[in-house]
Amino acid sequence: MDFLRPASWEDALAAKAEHPTAVPIAGGTDVMVEINFDHRRPEYLLDLNRIGELYEWQAGDRDVRLGAAVPYTQIMDHLRAELPGLALASHTVGSPQIRNRGSVGGNLGAASPAGDAHPALLAAGADVEVASVRGTRLIPVEEFYTGVKRNALEPDELIRAVHIRKADGPQAFSKVGTRNAMVIAVCAFGLALHPETRTVRTGIGSAAPTPVRARAAEDFLQAALTEGGFWDSGRIITPSVARQFAQLAAGACNPIDDVRGSAEYRRHAVAVMARRTLGWTWDAYRGNERSASCA
């Protein structure tokens, strides 16, 4: 196994073009586990740790551009207001040591359906910035996942950054695991309210071959909130609306039975999480509206 250690982003792209099978490594929280258990034995490892721009982020008017190697702890400490759903998801990633090294870019590269960042990215709305010596392109996050642990990267491409919409309303993240910490998700659910556009976005993890959005649930809730005048009145969402939203969210799942949980349990858990996250986010929205009206 050869170890490639480029000193700049341009050198990294050149190395990836010359060695398309090279496996990128920054935090190494997924790659080193696979190597240590002999699940993967790449010919080349492409070390990205010397490329400082991958550890930087910039907050614009609409988006946060998050470098591919920004660790979860930095999101938790510095981007909680801009990216609340992702900050919540970051808290559930592994141990403090893993959160200090692991990154959203690594989660995307691994493309595991159980990756904790995926539901939050889907719910917030994000684009993945990828690059090669041929140029740069943006991939909508829902199009990035192409199968179990497969993504839309071409062999010569690397993930450079993720462009994530800044929160304009409450966001929530919920995860079910077989224990309270350091656990792979049995299933996970992210929800974001976008009052500016009066839309709702969701993200489901570990309940289908790829992370997915519950689009039918989103469409139903958006219509219910608008037609029922909930956005303007701030009224409590009726139980029937919450139940229907939860059922439609569960219907978006295509889970499997495995050692962590059955398909039936995953569908049930997603329905419960959908209903609870809707309650949490809507309570926060109503509270924000009341505060604004009293200001």
C-alpha atoms as a PDB file:
ATOM      1  CA  MET A   1       0.000   0.000   0.000  1.00  0.00           C
ATOM      2  CA  ASP A   2       1.522   3.322  -1.120  1.00  0.00           C
ATOM      3  CA  PHE A   3       0.903   6.531   0.815  1.00  0.00           C
ATOM      4  CA  LEU A   4       0.391   9.715  -1.206  1.00  0.00           C
ATOM      5  CA  ARG A   5       0.699  12.999   0.711  1.00  0.00           C
ATOM      6  CA  PRO A   6      -0.032  16.038  -1.445  1.00  0.00           C
ATOM      7  CA  ALA A   7       0.810  19.486  -0.066  1.00  0.00           C
ATOM      8  CA  SER A   8      -1.904  21.402  -1.934  1.00  0.00           C
ATOM      9  CA  TRP A   9      -5.385  20.916  -3.371  1.00  0.00           C
ATOM     10  CA  GLU A  10      -3.992  21.037  -6.902  1.00  0.00           C
ATOM     11  CA  ASP A  11      -1.474  18.322  -6.009  1.00  0.00           C
ATOM     12  CA  ALA A  12      -4.281  16.210  -4.519  1.00  0.00           C
ATOM     13  CA  LEU A  13      -6.354  16.455  -7.710  1.00  0.00           C
ATOM     14  CA  ALA A  14      -3.333  15.579  -9.808  1.00  0.00           C
ATOM     15  CA  ALA A  15      -2.606  12.547  -7.615  1.00  0.00           C
ATOM     16  CA  LYS A  16      -6.233  11.404  -7.819  1.00  0.00           C
ATOM     17  CA  ALA A  17      -6.166  11.781 -11.610  1.00  0.00           C
ATOM     18  CA  GLU A  18      -2.996   9.720 -11.827  1.00  0.00           C
ATOM     19  CA  HIS A  19      -4.240   7.113  -9.330  1.00  0.00           C
ATOM     20  CA  PRO A  20      -8.070   6.945  -9.633  1.00  0.00           C
ATOM     21  CA  THR A  21      -8.274   3.999  -7.217  1.00  0.00           C
ATOM     22  CA  ALA A  22      -6.555   5.970  -4.437  1.00  0.00           C
ATOM     23  CA  VAL A  23      -8.701   6.150  -1.291  1.00  0.00           C
ATOM     24  CA  PRO A  24      -8.821   9.622   0.316  1.00  0.00           C
ATOM     25  CA  ILE A  25      -8.130   9.804   4.029  1.00  0.00           C
ATOM     26  CA  ALA A  26      -8.390  12.785   6.391  1.00  0.00           C
ATOM     27  CA  GLY A  27     -10.001  11.847   9.712  1.00  0.00           C
ATOM     28  CA  GLY A  28      -9.721   8.151   8.895  1.00  0.00           C
ATOM     29  CA  THR A  29     -12.585   7.167  11.200  1.00  0.00           C
ATOM     30  CA  ASP A  30     -14.151   4.945   8.517  1.00  0.00           C
ATOM     31  CA  VAL A  31     -11.190   4.095   6.293  1.00  0.00           C
ATOM     32  CA  MET A  32      -8.877   2.894   9.064  1.00  0.00           C
ATOM     33  CA  VAL A  33     -11.571   0.654  10.536  1.00  0.00           C
ATOM     34  CA  GLU A  34     -12.034  -1.033   7.164  1.00  0.00           C
ATOM     35  CA  ILE A  35      -8.275  -1.439   6.717  1.00  0.00           C
ATOM     36  CA  ASN A  36      -7.733  -2.736  10.257  1.00  0.00           C
ATOM     37  CA  PHE A  37     -10.441  -5.371   9.764  1.00  0.00           C
ATOM     38  CA  ASP A  38      -9.044  -6.208   6.322  1.00  0.00           C
ATOM     39  CA  HIS A  39     -12.323  -5.233   4.642  1.00  0.00           C
ATOM     40  CA  ARG A  40     -10.404  -2.967   2.292  1.00  0.00           C
ATOM     41  CA  ARG A  41      -6.830  -3.071   1.050  1.00  0.00           C
ATOM     42  CA  PRO A  42      -6.369  -0.145  -1.345  1.00  0.00           C
ATOM     43  CA  GLU A  43      -3.295   0.140  -3.520  1.00  0.00           C
ATOM     44  CA  TYR A  44      -2.970   3.832  -2.606  1.00  0.00           C
ATOM     45  CA  LEU A  45      -4.031   5.997   0.322  1.00  0.00           C
ATOM     46  CA  LEU A  46      -4.394   9.699  -0.479  1.00  0.00           C
ATOM     47  CA  ASP A  47      -3.682  11.690   2.710  1.00  0.00           C
ATOM     48  CA  LEU A  48      -5.488  15.070   2.647  1.00  0.00           C
ATOM     49  CA  ASN A  49      -4.434  16.285   6.088  1.00  0.00           C
ATOM     50  CA  ARG A  50      -1.966  18.883   4.802  1.00  0.00           C
ATOM     51  CA  ILE A  51      -4.613  20.717   2.750  1.00  0.00           C
ATOM     52  CA  GLY A  52      -5.704  23.518   5.038  1.00  0.00           C
ATOM     53  CA  GLU A  53      -8.659  24.755   2.980  1.00  0.00           C
ATOM     54  CA  LEU A  54     -10.513  21.505   3.642  1.00  0.00           C
ATOM     55  CA  TYR A  55     -10.666  22.474   7.342  1.00  0.00           C
ATOM     56  CA  GLU A  56     -12.192  25.914   6.739  1.00  0.00           C
ATOM     57  CA  TRP A  57     -15.765  27.153   6.509  1.00  0.00           C
ATOM     58  CA  GLN A  58     -17.431  30.367   5.369  1.00  0.00           C
ATOM     59  CA  ALA A  59     -20.935  31.548   6.247  1.00  0.00           C
ATOM     60  CA  GLY A  60     -22.586  33.563   3.487  1.00  0.00           C
ATOM     61  CA  ASP A  61     -25.980  35.225   3.312  1.00  0.00           C
ATOM     62  CA  ARG A  62     -27.745  32.003   2.331  1.00  0.00           C
ATOM     63  CA  ASP A  63     -25.350  29.075   2.693  1.00  0.00           C
ATOM     64  CA  VAL A  64     -22.502  27.791   4.794  1.00  0.00           C
ATOM     65  CA  ARG A  65     -19.633  26.444   2.720  1.00  0.00           C
ATOM     66  CA  LEU A  66     -18.233  23.683   4.910  1.00  0.00           C
ATOM     67  CA  GLY A  67     -14.823  22.294   4.011  1.00  0.00           C
ATOM     68  CA  ALA A  68     -14.856  18.533   3.530  1.00  0.00           C
ATOM     69  CA  ALA A  69     -12.586  17.864   6.521  1.00  0.00           C
ATOM     70  CA  VAL A  70     -14.125  20.250   9.086  1.00  0.00           C
ATOM     71  CA  PRO A  71     -14.574  17.998  12.151  1.00  0.00           C
ATOM     72  CA  TYR A  72     -17.908  17.545  13.868  1.00  0.00           C
ATOM     73  CA  THR A  73     -16.704  19.306  17.011  1.00  0.00           C
ATOM     74  CA  GLN A  74     -16.205  22.519  15.028  1.00  0.00           C
ATOM     75  CA  ILE A  75     -19.783  22.321  13.737  1.00  0.00           C
ATOM     76  CA  MET A  76     -21.048  21.806  17.281  1.00  0.00           C
ATOM     77  CA  ASP A  77     -18.964  24.672  18.686  1.00  0.00           C
ATOM     78  CA  HIS A  78     -19.239  27.284  15.940  1.00  0.00           C
ATOM     79  CA  LEU A  79     -22.152  26.570  13.583  1.00  0.00           C
ATOM     80  CA  ARG A  80     -24.991  25.653  15.908  1.00  0.00           C
ATOM     81  CA  ALA A  81     -27.047  28.738  14.966  1.00  0.00           C
ATOM     82  CA  GLU A  82     -26.525  28.418  11.213  1.00  0.00           C
ATOM     83  CA  LEU A  83     -26.795  24.607  10.999  1.00  0.00           C
ATOM     84  CA  PRO A  84     -28.806  23.455  14.038  1.00  0.00           C
ATOM     85  CA  GLY A  85     -29.895  20.127  12.569  1.00  0.00           C
ATOM     86  CA  LEU A  86     -26.354  19.166  11.586  1.00  0.00           C
ATOM     87  CA  ALA A  87     -25.053  20.285  14.983  1.00  0.00           C
ATOM     88  CA  LEU A  88     -27.585  18.003  16.688  1.00  0.00           C
ATOM     89  CA  ALA A  89     -26.592  15.108  14.441  1.00  0.00           C
ATOM     90  CA  SER A  90     -22.906  15.806  15.139  1.00  0.00           C
ATOM     91  CA  HIS A  91     -23.508  15.250  18.849  1.00  0.00           C
ATOM     92  CA  THR A  92     -24.545  11.647  18.128  1.00  0.00           C
ATOM     93  CA  VAL A  93     -21.442  10.718  16.118  1.00  0.00           C
ATOM     94  CA  GLY A  94     -19.248   8.165  17.886  1.00  0.00           C
ATOM     95  CA  SER A  95     -17.130   9.343  20.795  1.00  0.00           C
ATOM     96  CA  PRO A  96     -15.439  12.721  21.455  1.00  0.00           C
ATOM     97  CA  GLN A  97     -12.285  11.362  19.829  1.00  0.00           C
ATOM     98  CA  ILE A  98     -14.188  10.444  16.668  1.00  0.00           C
ATOM     99  CA  ARG A  99     -16.005  13.782  16.605  1.00  0.00           C
ATOM    100  CA  ASN A 100     -12.622  15.521  16.772  1.00  0.00           C
ATOM    101  CA  ARG A 101     -11.470  13.718  13.609  1.00  0.00           C
ATOM    102  CA  GLY A 102     -14.576  12.701  11.646  1.00  0.00           C
ATOM    103  CA  SER A 103     -16.180  15.054   9.138  1.00  0.00           C
ATOM    104  CA  VAL A 104     -19.219  15.521   6.928  1.00  0.00           C
ATOM    105  CA  GLY A 105     -17.013  15.041   3.875  1.00  0.00           C
ATOM    106  CA  GLY A 106     -15.932  11.677   5.213  1.00  0.00           C
ATOM    107  CA  ASN A 107     -19.547  10.707   5.878  1.00  0.00           C
ATOM    108  CA  LEU A 108     -20.442  11.592   2.308  1.00  0.00           C
ATOM    109  CA  GLY A 109     -17.459   9.738   0.884  1.00  0.00           C
ATOM    110  CA  ALA A 110     -18.359   6.578   2.784  1.00  0.00           C
ATOM    111  CA  ALA A 111     -22.019   7.008   1.730  1.00  0.00           C
ATOM    112  CA  SER A 112     -23.239   4.587   4.372  1.00  0.00           C
ATOM    113  CA  PRO A 113     -27.049   4.708   4.682  1.00  0.00           C
ATOM    114  CA  ALA A 114     -26.479   4.880   8.456  1.00  0.00           C
ATOM    115  CA  GLY A 115     -24.245   7.973   8.339  1.00  0.00           C
ATOM    116  CA  ASP A 116     -25.449  10.467  10.950  1.00  0.00           C
ATOM    117  CA  ALA A 117     -24.889  13.598   8.845  1.00  0.00           C
ATOM    118  CA  HIS A 118     -27.069  12.504   5.913  1.00  0.00           C
ATOM    119  CA  PRO A 119     -30.576  13.113   7.330  1.00  0.00           C
ATOM    120  CA  ALA A 120     -29.576  16.600   8.488  1.00  0.00           C
ATOM    121  CA  LEU A 121     -28.068  17.462   5.094  1.00  0.00           C
ATOM    122  CA  LEU A 122     -31.171  16.254   3.278  1.00  0.00           C
ATOM    123  CA  ALA A 123     -33.482  18.184   5.596  1.00  0.00           C
ATOM    124  CA  ALA A 124     -31.514  21.430   5.485  1.00  0.00           C
ATOM    125  CA  GLY A 125     -30.851  21.284   1.757  1.00  0.00           C
ATOM    126  CA  ALA A 126     -27.260  20.919   0.581  1.00  0.00           C
ATOM    127  CA  ASP A 127     -25.047  20.617  -2.472  1.00  0.00           C
ATOM    128  CA  VAL A 128     -21.814  18.641  -2.549  1.00  0.00           C
ATOM    129  CA  GLU A 129     -18.900  20.454  -4.202  1.00  0.00           C
ATOM    130  CA  VAL A 130     -16.650  17.966  -5.974  1.00  0.00           C
ATOM    131  CA  ALA A 131     -13.598  18.629  -8.104  1.00  0.00           C
ATOM    132  CA  SER A 132     -11.073  17.016 -10.417  1.00  0.00           C
ATOM    133  CA  VAL A 133      -8.395  18.264 -12.783  1.00  0.00           C
ATOM    134  CA  ARG A 134     -11.279  18.607 -15.264  1.00  0.00           C
ATOM    135  CA  GLY A 135     -13.150  21.167 -13.154  1.00  0.00           C
ATOM    136  CA  THR A 136     -15.652  21.609 -10.320  1.00  0.00           C
ATOM    137  CA  ARG A 137     -19.337  20.706 -10.069  1.00  0.00           C
ATOM    138  CA  LEU A 138     -22.125  20.869  -7.483  1.00  0.00           C
ATOM    139  CA  ILE A 139     -24.258  17.779  -6.844  1.00  0.00           C
ATOM    140  CA  PRO A 140     -27.570  18.132  -4.959  1.00  0.00           C
ATOM    141  CA  VAL A 141     -27.191  15.974  -1.869  1.00  0.00           C
ATOM    142  CA  GLU A 142     -30.269  13.858  -2.695  1.00  0.00           C
ATOM    143  CA  GLU A 143     -28.586  12.914  -5.994  1.00  0.00           C
ATOM    144  CA  PHE A 144     -25.232  12.157  -4.383  1.00  0.00           C
ATOM    145  CA  TYR A 145     -26.215   8.770  -2.943  1.00  0.00           C
ATOM    146  CA  THR A 146     -26.422   6.114  -5.663  1.00  0.00           C
ATOM    147  CA  GLY A 147     -26.539   2.866  -3.662  1.00  0.00           C
ATOM    148  CA  VAL A 148     -25.364   1.149  -0.509  1.00  0.00           C
ATOM    149  CA  LYS A 149     -22.008   2.823   0.227  1.00  0.00           C
ATOM    150  CA  ARG A 150     -21.904   4.215  -3.304  1.00  0.00           C
ATOM    151  CA  ASN A 151     -21.921   7.839  -4.389  1.00  0.00           C
ATOM    152  CA  ALA A 152     -21.906   9.966  -7.525  1.00  0.00           C
ATOM    153  CA  LEU A 153     -18.175  10.728  -7.529  1.00  0.00           C
ATOM    154  CA  GLU A 154     -16.255   9.995 -10.708  1.00  0.00           C
ATOM    155  CA  PRO A 155     -13.017   8.015 -10.189  1.00  0.00           C
ATOM    156  CA  ASP A 156     -10.853  11.154 -10.486  1.00  0.00           C
ATOM    157  CA  GLU A 157     -12.996  13.382  -8.244  1.00  0.00           C
ATOM    158  CA  LEU A 158     -12.607  14.444  -4.616  1.00  0.00           C
ATOM    159  CA  ILE A 159     -15.107  16.098  -2.258  1.00  0.00           C
ATOM    160  CA  ARG A 160     -13.981  19.659  -1.621  1.00  0.00           C
ATOM    161  CA  ALA A 161     -16.837  21.161   0.406  1.00  0.00           C
ATOM    162  CA  VAL A 162     -20.539  20.998   1.209  1.00  0.00           C
ATOM    163  CA  HIS A 163     -22.818  24.000   0.665  1.00  0.00           C
ATOM    164  CA  ILE A 164     -25.584  23.820   3.290  1.00  0.00           C
ATOM    165  CA  ARG A 165     -28.576  26.161   3.502  1.00  0.00           C
ATOM    166  CA  LYS A 166     -28.530  28.290   6.630  1.00  0.00           C
ATOM    167  CA  ALA A 167     -31.506  27.618   8.891  1.00  0.00           C
ATOM    168  CA  ASP A 168     -34.416  30.016   8.499  1.00  0.00           C
ATOM    169  CA  GLY A 169     -36.552  28.017  10.923  1.00  0.00           C
ATOM    170  CA  PRO A 170     -36.376  25.228  13.519  1.00  0.00           C
ATOM    171  CA  GLN A 171     -34.614  21.958  12.743  1.00  0.00           C
ATOM    172  CA  ALA A 172     -34.495  18.644  14.603  1.00  0.00           C
ATOM    173  CA  PHE A 173     -32.637  15.348  14.460  1.00  0.00           C
ATOM    174  CA  SER A 174     -33.533  12.060  16.116  1.00  0.00           C
ATOM    175  CA  LYS A 175     -31.700   8.742  16.133  1.00  0.00           C
ATOM    176  CA  VAL A 176     -32.507   5.266  17.416  1.00  0.00           C
ATOM    177  CA  GLY A 177     -29.629   3.010  18.425  1.00  0.00           C
ATOM    178  CA  THR A 178     -29.068  -0.194  20.302  1.00  0.00           C
ATOM    179  CA  ARG A 179     -27.480   1.785  23.147  1.00  0.00           C
ATOM    180  CA  ASN A 180     -27.153   5.435  24.194  1.00  0.00           C
ATOM    181  CA  ALA A 181     -23.736   6.304  22.711  1.00  0.00           C
ATOM    182  CA  MET A 182     -21.070   5.225  20.210  1.00  0.00           C
ATOM    183  CA  VAL A 183     -23.550   3.287  18.122  1.00  0.00           C
ATOM    184  CA  ILE A 184     -24.488   2.939  14.465  1.00  0.00           C
ATOM    185  CA  ALA A 185     -28.024   4.185  13.886  1.00  0.00           C
ATOM    186  CA  VAL A 186     -30.790   1.615  13.669  1.00  0.00           C
ATOM    187  CA  CYS A 187     -32.615   4.473  11.950  1.00  0.00           C
ATOM    188  CA  ALA A 188     -32.525   8.266  12.058  1.00  0.00           C
ATOM    189  CA  PHE A 189     -34.759  11.162  11.037  1.00  0.00           C
ATOM    190  CA  GLY A 190     -34.095  14.815  10.302  1.00  0.00           C
ATOM    191  CA  LEU A 191     -36.695  17.547   9.853  1.00  0.00           C
ATOM    192  CA  ALA A 192     -36.321  21.207   8.907  1.00  0.00           C
ATOM    193  CA  LEU A 193     -39.019  23.858   8.688  1.00  0.00           C
ATOM    194  CA  HIS A 194     -38.340  26.599   6.131  1.00  0.00           C
ATOM    195  CA  PRO A 195     -40.784  29.413   6.962  1.00  0.00           C
ATOM    196  CA  GLU A 196     -39.349  31.797   4.339  1.00  0.00           C
ATOM    197  CA  THR A 197     -40.520  29.494   1.549  1.00  0.00           C
ATOM    198  CA  ARG A 198     -43.184  27.786   3.667  1.00  0.00           C
ATOM    199  CA  THR A 199     -41.715  24.421   2.860  1.00  0.00           C
ATOM    200  CA  VAL A 200     -40.673  21.357   4.845  1.00  0.00           C
ATOM    201  CA  ARG A 201     -37.750  19.012   4.192  1.00  0.00           C
ATOM    202  CA  THR A 202     -36.958  15.647   5.738  1.00  0.00           C
ATOM    203  CA  GLY A 203     -34.120  13.151   5.804  1.00  0.00           C
ATOM    204  CA  ILE A 204     -34.192   9.468   6.730  1.00  0.00           C
ATOM    205  CA  GLY A 205     -31.136   7.397   7.552  1.00  0.00           C
ATOM    206  CA  SER A 206     -30.536   3.658   7.902  1.00  0.00           C
ATOM    207  CA  ALA A 207     -34.013   2.730   6.676  1.00  0.00           C
ATOM    208  CA  ALA A 208     -33.362   2.297   2.944  1.00  0.00           C
ATOM    209  CA  PRO A 209     -30.395   1.392   0.706  1.00  0.00           C
ATOM    210  CA  THR A 210     -29.494   5.098   0.672  1.00  0.00           C
ATOM    211  CA  PRO A 211     -30.416   8.105   2.798  1.00  0.00           C
ATOM    212  CA  VAL A 212     -33.730   9.414   1.458  1.00  0.00           C
ATOM    213  CA  ARG A 213     -36.231  12.218   1.781  1.00  0.00           C
ATOM    214  CA  ALA A 214     -39.863  11.445   2.645  1.00  0.00           C
ATOM    215  CA  ARG A 215     -41.220  13.505  -0.241  1.00  0.00           C
ATOM    216  CA  ALA A 216     -44.853  12.436   0.078  1.00  0.00           C
ATOM    217  CA  ALA A 217     -44.756  13.367   3.765  1.00  0.00           C
ATOM    218  CA  GLU A 218     -43.195  16.725   2.913  1.00  0.00           C
ATOM    219  CA  ASP A 219     -45.815  17.491   0.269  1.00  0.00           C
ATOM    220  CA  PHE A 220     -48.652  16.528   2.613  1.00  0.00           C
ATOM    221  CA  LEU A 221     -47.364  18.621   5.517  1.00  0.00           C
ATOM    222  CA  GLN A 222     -46.637  21.655   3.338  1.00  0.00           C
ATOM    223  CA  ALA A 223     -50.193  21.560   1.988  1.00  0.00           C
ATOM    224  CA  ALA A 224     -51.706  21.000   5.445  1.00  0.00           C
ATOM    225  CA  LEU A 225     -49.779  23.886   6.997  1.00  0.00           C
ATOM    226  CA  THR A 226     -50.633  26.269   4.171  1.00  0.00           C
ATOM    227  CA  GLU A 227     -54.269  25.317   3.606  1.00  0.00           C
ATOM    228  CA  GLY A 228     -54.955  25.190   7.340  1.00  0.00           C
ATOM    229  CA  GLY A 229     -53.392  28.606   7.922  1.00  0.00           C
ATOM    230  CA  PHE A 230     -50.912  27.204  10.443  1.00  0.00           C
ATOM    231  CA  TRP A 231     -47.942  29.282   9.276  1.00  0.00           C
ATOM    232  CA  ASP A 232     -49.811  32.528   9.921  1.00  0.00           C
ATOM    233  CA  SER A 233     -51.797  31.560  13.006  1.00  0.00           C
ATOM    234  CA  GLY A 234     -49.133  29.500  14.769  1.00  0.00           C
ATOM    235  CA  ARG A 235     -51.859  27.146  15.970  1.00  0.00           C
ATOM    236  CA  ILE A 236     -50.973  23.737  17.365  1.00  0.00           C
ATOM    237  CA  ILE A 237     -50.858  21.129  14.611  1.00  0.00           C
ATOM    238  CA  THR A 238     -53.777  18.746  14.909  1.00  0.00           C
ATOM    239  CA  PRO A 239     -53.099  15.117  15.886  1.00  0.00           C
ATOM    240  CA  SER A 240     -54.568  13.865  12.606  1.00  0.00           C
ATOM    241  CA  VAL A 241     -52.053  15.911  10.595  1.00  0.00           C
ATOM    242  CA  ALA A 242     -49.178  14.662  12.740  1.00  0.00           C
ATOM    243  CA  ARG A 243     -50.316  11.028  12.387  1.00  0.00           C
ATOM    244  CA  GLN A 244     -50.644  11.283   8.617  1.00  0.00           C
ATOM    245  CA  PHE A 245     -47.230  12.901   8.332  1.00  0.00           C
ATOM    246  CA  ALA A 246     -45.716  10.107  10.423  1.00  0.00           C
ATOM    247  CA  GLN A 247     -47.380   7.381   8.349  1.00  0.00           C
ATOM    248  CA  LEU A 248     -46.186   8.924   5.089  1.00  0.00           C
ATOM    249  CA  ALA A 249     -42.653   9.243   6.478  1.00  0.00           C
ATOM    250  CA  ALA A 250     -42.661   5.552   7.386  1.00  0.00           C
ATOM    251  CA  GLY A 251     -43.912   4.785   3.891  1.00  0.00           C
ATOM    252  CA  ALA A 252     -40.775   6.325   2.402  1.00  0.00           C
ATOM    253  CA  CYS A 253     -38.654   3.636   4.044  1.00  0.00           C
ATOM    254  CA  ASN A 254     -37.350   0.521   2.336  1.00  0.00           C
ATOM    255  CA  PRO A 255     -35.538  -1.117   5.253  1.00  0.00           C
ATOM    256  CA  ILE A 256     -33.963  -4.514   5.803  1.00  0.00           C
ATOM    257  CA  ASP A 257     -33.841  -6.953   8.707  1.00  0.00           C
ATOM    258  CA  ASP A 258     -30.382  -7.114  10.274  1.00  0.00           C
ATOM    259  CA  VAL A 259     -28.695  -7.641  13.632  1.00  0.00           C
ATOM    260  CA  ARG A 260     -29.545  -4.083  14.739  1.00  0.00           C
ATOM    261  CA  GLY A 261     -33.266  -4.165  14.002  1.00  0.00           C
ATOM    262  CA  SER A 262     -36.057  -5.552  11.863  1.00  0.00           C
ATOM    263  CA  ALA A 263     -37.595  -3.795   8.893  1.00  0.00           C
ATOM    264  CA  GLU A 264     -40.894  -3.570  10.754  1.00  0.00           C
ATOM    265  CA  TYR A 265     -39.239  -1.940  13.750  1.00  0.00           C
ATOM    266  CA  ARG A 266     -37.415   0.578  11.562  1.00  0.00           C
ATOM    267  CA  ARG A 267     -40.655   1.676   9.880  1.00  0.00           C
ATOM    268  CA  HIS A 268     -42.343   2.039  13.260  1.00  0.00           C
ATOM    269  CA  ALA A 269     -39.403   3.979  14.704  1.00  0.00           C
ATOM    270  CA  VAL A 270     -39.293   6.359  11.741  1.00  0.00           C
ATOM    271  CA  ALA A 271     -43.007   7.086  12.207  1.00  0.00           C
ATOM    272  CA  VAL A 272     -42.451   7.836  15.901  1.00  0.00           C
ATOM    273  CA  MET A 273     -39.447  10.054  15.192  1.00  0.00           C
ATOM    274  CA  ALA A 274     -41.304  11.912  12.438  1.00  0.00           C
ATOM    275  CA  ARG A 275     -44.196  12.703  14.769  1.00  0.00           C
ATOM    276  CA  ARG A 276     -41.908  13.760  17.621  1.00  0.00           C
ATOM    277  CA  THR A 277     -39.590  15.930  15.522  1.00  0.00           C
ATOM    278  CA  LEU A 278     -42.640  17.619  14.006  1.00  0.00           C
ATOM    279  CA  GLY A 279     -43.848  18.413  17.524  1.00  0.00           C
ATOM    280  CA  TRP A 280     -40.446  19.751  18.594  1.00  0.00           C
ATOM    281  CA  THR A 281     -39.892  21.922  15.536  1.00  0.00           C
ATOM    282  CA  TRP A 282     -43.443  23.269  15.458  1.00  0.00           C
ATOM    283  CA  ASP A 283     -43.315  24.164  19.156  1.00  0.00           C
ATOM    284  CA  ALA A 284     -40.080  26.042  18.455  1.00  0.00           C
ATOM    285  CA  TYR A 285     -41.643  27.813  15.475  1.00  0.00           C
ATOM    286  CA  ARG A 286     -44.671  28.868  17.529  1.00  0.00           C
ATOM    287  CA  GLY A 287     -42.374  30.128  20.271  1.00  0.00           C
ATOM    288  CA  ASN A 288     -40.345  32.150  17.783  1.00  0.00           C
ATOM    289  CA  GLU A 289     -43.508  33.633  16.292  1.00  0.00           C
ATOM    290  CA  ARG A 290     -44.814  34.639  19.714  1.00  0.00           C
ATOM    291  CA  SER A 291     -41.490  36.249  20.572  1.00  0.00           C
ATOM    292  CA  ALA A 292     -41.462  38.164  17.297  1.00  0.00           C
ATOM    293  CA  SER A 293     -45.016  39.429  17.826  1.00  0.00           C
ATOM    294  CA  CYS A 294     -44.168  40.681  21.324  1.00  0.00           C
ATOM    295  CA  ALA A 295     -40.976  42.435  20.215  1.00  0.00           C
END
